[in-house]
Amino acid sequence: MLRRLVLTTLAPLAATAGAAGLGPIPSLPLLSPPDTLTVTVSKSSHPNANGTYRLECGSEASGNHPAADRACERLARLAEEGKDPFAAVDKDRFCTQQYGGSAVAHITGDWRGQAVDARFSRANGCEIERWENLEPVLPHVRG
């Protein structure tokens, strides 16, 4: 929305400057919107882990997420590595049949310009690994 406001404000000025013979106006760097996620955790045996948290990662971390700074750092590191932390486990992957607890999570929002709608559980070894890879965005829970 901010980008649209800036562009609609500057476009008429650029046209006026060109018509007045002032030459082109240098381009401004585009502001990228912050990553905004809603993290909902439920069914955890750790009552402090359950809840819905907002996480915003931009020039600084914000929201009511209990570990916002560390969560944003983790997401930035995964982005640098070129990994999609919200990708589902490949259906053809073999996973150990171990149970990591009843905790489930749902993450929605926008990350790196892409819509996120991801569900997490601790139902088997692959899902446990996926959950732990995203800590501290998701809480550290065991059992």
C-alpha atoms as a PDB file:
ATOM      1  CA  MET A   1       0.000   0.000   0.000  1.00  0.00           C
ATOM      2  CA  LEU A   2       2.852   2.364   0.837  1.00  0.00           C
ATOM      3  CA  ARG A   3       4.491   1.571  -2.490  1.00  0.00           C
ATOM      4  CA  ARG A   4       1.260   2.431  -4.334  1.00  0.00           C
ATOM      5  CA  LEU A   5       0.972   5.710  -2.411  1.00  0.00           C
ATOM      6  CA  VAL A   6       4.545   6.696  -3.257  1.00  0.00           C
ATOM      7  CA  LEU A   7       4.163   5.799  -6.928  1.00  0.00           C
ATOM      8  CA  THR A   8       0.847   7.599  -7.369  1.00  0.00           C
ATOM      9  CA  THR A   9       2.311  10.670  -5.672  1.00  0.00           C
ATOM     10  CA  LEU A  10       5.551  10.732  -7.681  1.00  0.00           C
ATOM     11  CA  ALA A  11       4.179   9.843 -11.130  1.00  0.00           C
ATOM     12  CA  PRO A  12       2.556  13.258 -11.764  1.00  0.00           C
ATOM     13  CA  LEU A  13       5.680  15.020 -10.467  1.00  0.00           C
ATOM     14  CA  ALA A  14       7.885  13.071 -12.861  1.00  0.00           C
ATOM     15  CA  ALA A  15       5.653  13.955 -15.807  1.00  0.00           C
ATOM     16  CA  THR A  16       5.673  17.647 -14.827  1.00  0.00           C
ATOM     17  CA  ALA A  17       9.459  17.698 -14.435  1.00  0.00           C
ATOM     18  CA  GLY A  18       9.943  16.099 -17.859  1.00  0.00           C
ATOM     19  CA  ALA A  19       7.567  18.579 -19.507  1.00  0.00           C
ATOM     20  CA  ALA A  20       9.359  21.495 -17.845  1.00  0.00           C
ATOM     21  CA  GLY A  21      12.679  20.382 -19.335  1.00  0.00           C
ATOM     22  CA  LEU A  22      14.175  19.444 -15.976  1.00  0.00           C
ATOM     23  CA  GLY A  23      15.178  15.995 -17.191  1.00  0.00           C
ATOM     24  CA  PRO A  24      14.459  12.640 -15.619  1.00  0.00           C
ATOM     25  CA  ILE A  25      13.986  12.255 -11.896  1.00  0.00           C
ATOM     26  CA  PRO A  26      16.340   9.665 -10.413  1.00  0.00           C
ATOM     27  CA  SER A  27      14.589   6.497  -9.357  1.00  0.00           C
ATOM     28  CA  LEU A  28      14.002   5.866  -5.689  1.00  0.00           C
ATOM     29  CA  PRO A  29      14.782   2.507  -4.096  1.00  0.00           C
ATOM     30  CA  LEU A  30      11.602   0.494  -3.665  1.00  0.00           C
ATOM     31  CA  LEU A  31      10.679  -0.368  -0.128  1.00  0.00           C
ATOM     32  CA  SER A  32      10.032  -4.043   0.386  1.00  0.00           C
ATOM     33  CA  PRO A  33       7.164  -4.818   2.722  1.00  0.00           C
ATOM     34  CA  PRO A  34       8.021  -6.615   5.952  1.00  0.00           C
ATOM     35  CA  ASP A  35       7.414 -10.332   6.290  1.00  0.00           C
ATOM     36  CA  THR A  36       4.273 -10.746   8.376  1.00  0.00           C
ATOM     37  CA  LEU A  37       3.285 -14.106   9.828  1.00  0.00           C
ATOM     38  CA  THR A  38       0.639 -15.381  12.219  1.00  0.00           C
ATOM     39  CA  VAL A  39       1.817 -18.433  14.156  1.00  0.00           C
ATOM     40  CA  THR A  40      -0.819 -20.516  15.957  1.00  0.00           C
ATOM     41  CA  VAL A  41       0.296 -23.374  18.200  1.00  0.00           C
ATOM     42  CA  SER A  42      -2.124 -25.754  19.901  1.00  0.00           C
ATOM     43  CA  LYS A  43      -2.323 -29.150  21.585  1.00  0.00           C
ATOM     44  CA  SER A  44       1.139 -28.782  23.086  1.00  0.00           C
ATOM     45  CA  SER A  45       1.738 -30.397  26.453  1.00  0.00           C
ATOM     46  CA  HIS A  46       3.692 -27.222  27.261  1.00  0.00           C
ATOM     47  CA  PRO A  47       0.882 -24.739  28.039  1.00  0.00           C
ATOM     48  CA  ASN A  48       3.153 -21.713  27.565  1.00  0.00           C
ATOM     49  CA  ALA A  49       3.717 -22.778  23.945  1.00  0.00           C
ATOM     50  CA  ASN A  50       0.035 -22.681  22.975  1.00  0.00           C
ATOM     51  CA  GLY A  51      -1.384 -19.502  21.511  1.00  0.00           C
ATOM     52  CA  THR A  52      -1.526 -17.246  18.486  1.00  0.00           C
ATOM     53  CA  TYR A  53       1.375 -14.904  17.846  1.00  0.00           C
ATOM     54  CA  ARG A  54       2.052 -12.204  15.265  1.00  0.00           C
ATOM     55  CA  LEU A  55       5.577 -11.967  13.889  1.00  0.00           C
ATOM     56  CA  GLU A  56       6.769  -9.119  11.685  1.00  0.00           C
ATOM     57  CA  CYS A  57      10.276  -9.181  10.243  1.00  0.00           C
ATOM     58  CA  GLY A  58      11.364  -5.990   8.529  1.00  0.00           C
ATOM     59  CA  SER A  59      14.033  -3.496   9.469  1.00  0.00           C
ATOM     60  CA  GLU A  60      13.448  -4.800  12.989  1.00  0.00           C
ATOM     61  CA  ALA A  61      11.439  -7.610  14.527  1.00  0.00           C
ATOM     62  CA  SER A  62       8.066  -6.812  16.038  1.00  0.00           C
ATOM     63  CA  GLY A  63       4.770  -8.353  17.032  1.00  0.00           C
ATOM     64  CA  ASN A  64       3.768 -10.308  20.101  1.00  0.00           C
ATOM     65  CA  HIS A  65       5.817 -13.421  19.223  1.00  0.00           C
ATOM     66  CA  PRO A  66       7.772 -14.400  22.362  1.00  0.00           C
ATOM     67  CA  ALA A  67      11.075 -14.771  20.472  1.00  0.00           C
ATOM     68  CA  ALA A  68      10.565 -12.258  17.643  1.00  0.00           C
ATOM     69  CA  ASP A  69      14.227 -11.255  17.199  1.00  0.00           C
ATOM     70  CA  ARG A  70      15.527 -14.817  17.123  1.00  0.00           C
ATOM     71  CA  ALA A  71      12.612 -15.985  14.939  1.00  0.00           C
ATOM     72  CA  CYS A  72      13.308 -13.283  12.337  1.00  0.00           C
ATOM     73  CA  GLU A  73      17.026 -14.115  12.421  1.00  0.00           C
ATOM     74  CA  ARG A  74      16.211 -17.790  11.774  1.00  0.00           C
ATOM     75  CA  LEU A  75      13.950 -16.931   8.837  1.00  0.00           C
ATOM     76  CA  ALA A  76      16.617 -14.616   7.377  1.00  0.00           C
ATOM     77  CA  ARG A  77      19.236 -17.364   7.674  1.00  0.00           C
ATOM     78  CA  LEU A  78      16.964 -19.879   5.917  1.00  0.00           C
ATOM     79  CA  ALA A  79      16.323 -17.345   3.131  1.00  0.00           C
ATOM     80  CA  GLU A  80      20.078 -16.806   2.698  1.00  0.00           C
ATOM     81  CA  GLU A  81      20.469 -20.584   2.358  1.00  0.00           C
ATOM     82  CA  GLY A  82      17.756 -20.581  -0.312  1.00  0.00           C
ATOM     83  CA  LYS A  83      15.485 -22.835   1.723  1.00  0.00           C
ATOM     84  CA  ASP A  84      11.697 -22.684   1.982  1.00  0.00           C
ATOM     85  CA  PRO A  85      10.988 -23.347   5.653  1.00  0.00           C
ATOM     86  CA  PHE A  86       7.278 -23.699   4.952  1.00  0.00           C
ATOM     87  CA  ALA A  87       7.522 -26.424   2.314  1.00  0.00           C
ATOM     88  CA  ALA A  88       5.654 -29.623   3.133  1.00  0.00           C
ATOM     89  CA  VAL A  89       7.472 -32.922   3.522  1.00  0.00           C
ATOM     90  CA  ASP A  90       7.842 -34.659   0.148  1.00  0.00           C
ATOM     91  CA  LYS A  91       5.163 -37.361  -0.094  1.00  0.00           C
ATOM     92  CA  ASP A  92       7.725 -39.901  -1.378  1.00  0.00           C
ATOM     93  CA  ARG A  93      10.135 -39.372   1.509  1.00  0.00           C
ATOM     94  CA  PHE A  94      10.616 -42.201   3.997  1.00  0.00           C
ATOM     95  CA  CYS A  95      10.108 -41.013   7.568  1.00  0.00           C
ATOM     96  CA  THR A  96      10.817 -42.740  10.847  1.00  0.00           C
ATOM     97  CA  GLN A  97       7.655 -43.722  12.643  1.00  0.00           C
ATOM     98  CA  GLN A  98       8.271 -41.931  15.899  1.00  0.00           C
ATOM     99  CA  TYR A  99       5.857 -39.726  17.754  1.00  0.00           C
ATOM    100  CA  GLY A 100       7.033 -36.312  18.900  1.00  0.00           C
ATOM    101  CA  GLY A 101       3.912 -35.215  20.733  1.00  0.00           C
ATOM    102  CA  SER A 102       0.496 -33.807  20.006  1.00  0.00           C
ATOM    103  CA  ALA A 103       1.570 -30.206  19.259  1.00  0.00           C
ATOM    104  CA  VAL A 104       0.379 -28.751  15.966  1.00  0.00           C
ATOM    105  CA  ALA A 105       0.991 -25.362  14.395  1.00  0.00           C
ATOM    106  CA  HIS A 106      -0.447 -23.304  11.563  1.00  0.00           C
ATOM    107  CA  ILE A 107       1.501 -20.438  10.011  1.00  0.00           C
ATOM    108  CA  THR A 108      -0.140 -17.978   7.632  1.00  0.00           C
ATOM    109  CA  GLY A 109       0.905 -14.662   6.150  1.00  0.00           C
ATOM    110  CA  ASP A 110       3.529 -13.398   3.726  1.00  0.00           C
ATOM    111  CA  TRP A 111       7.220 -14.285   3.598  1.00  0.00           C
ATOM    112  CA  ARG A 112       9.628 -12.977   0.952  1.00  0.00           C
ATOM    113  CA  GLY A 113       6.691 -11.837  -1.177  1.00  0.00           C
ATOM    114  CA  GLN A 114       5.015 -15.252  -1.131  1.00  0.00           C
ATOM    115  CA  ALA A 115       1.803 -16.274   0.602  1.00  0.00           C
ATOM    116  CA  VAL A 116       2.286 -18.756   3.436  1.00  0.00           C
ATOM    117  CA  ASP A 117      -0.288 -21.289   4.613  1.00  0.00           C
ATOM    118  CA  ALA A 118       1.649 -24.110   6.284  1.00  0.00           C
ATOM    119  CA  ARG A 119       0.702 -26.708   8.870  1.00  0.00           C
ATOM    120  CA  PHE A 120       3.157 -28.417  11.185  1.00  0.00           C
ATOM    121  CA  SER A 121       2.941 -31.407  13.493  1.00  0.00           C
ATOM    122  CA  ARG A 122       5.249 -33.780  15.315  1.00  0.00           C
ATOM    123  CA  ALA A 123       3.619 -36.937  13.940  1.00  0.00           C
ATOM    124  CA  ASN A 124       6.769 -38.621  12.561  1.00  0.00           C
ATOM    125  CA  GLY A 125      10.506 -38.121  12.157  1.00  0.00           C
ATOM    126  CA  CYS A 126      10.187 -35.923   9.067  1.00  0.00           C
ATOM    127  CA  GLU A 127       7.599 -33.661  10.669  1.00  0.00           C
ATOM    128  CA  ILE A 128       9.639 -33.412  13.875  1.00  0.00           C
ATOM    129  CA  GLU A 129      12.704 -32.405  11.824  1.00  0.00           C
ATOM    130  CA  ARG A 130      10.640 -29.836   9.901  1.00  0.00           C
ATOM    131  CA  TRP A 131       9.315 -28.358  13.177  1.00  0.00           C
ATOM    132  CA  GLU A 132      12.765 -28.204  14.796  1.00  0.00           C
ATOM    133  CA  ASN A 133      14.243 -26.594  11.682  1.00  0.00           C
ATOM    134  CA  LEU A 134      11.860 -23.691  12.200  1.00  0.00           C
ATOM    135  CA  GLU A 135      12.593 -23.149  15.898  1.00  0.00           C
ATOM    136  CA  PRO A 136      12.325 -20.471  17.358  1.00  0.00           C
ATOM    137  CA  VAL A 137       9.544 -19.419  14.954  1.00  0.00           C
ATOM    138  CA  LEU A 138       7.829 -22.497  16.363  1.00  0.00           C
ATOM    139  CA  PRO A 139       8.336 -23.147  20.076  1.00  0.00           C
ATOM    140  CA  HIS A 140      10.778 -25.711  21.408  1.00  0.00           C
ATOM    141  CA  VAL A 141       8.520 -28.541  22.560  1.00  0.00           C
ATOM    142  CA  ARG A 142       9.322 -32.141  23.350  1.00  0.00           C
ATOM    143  CA  GLY A 143       6.850 -34.907  23.993  1.00  0.00           C
END
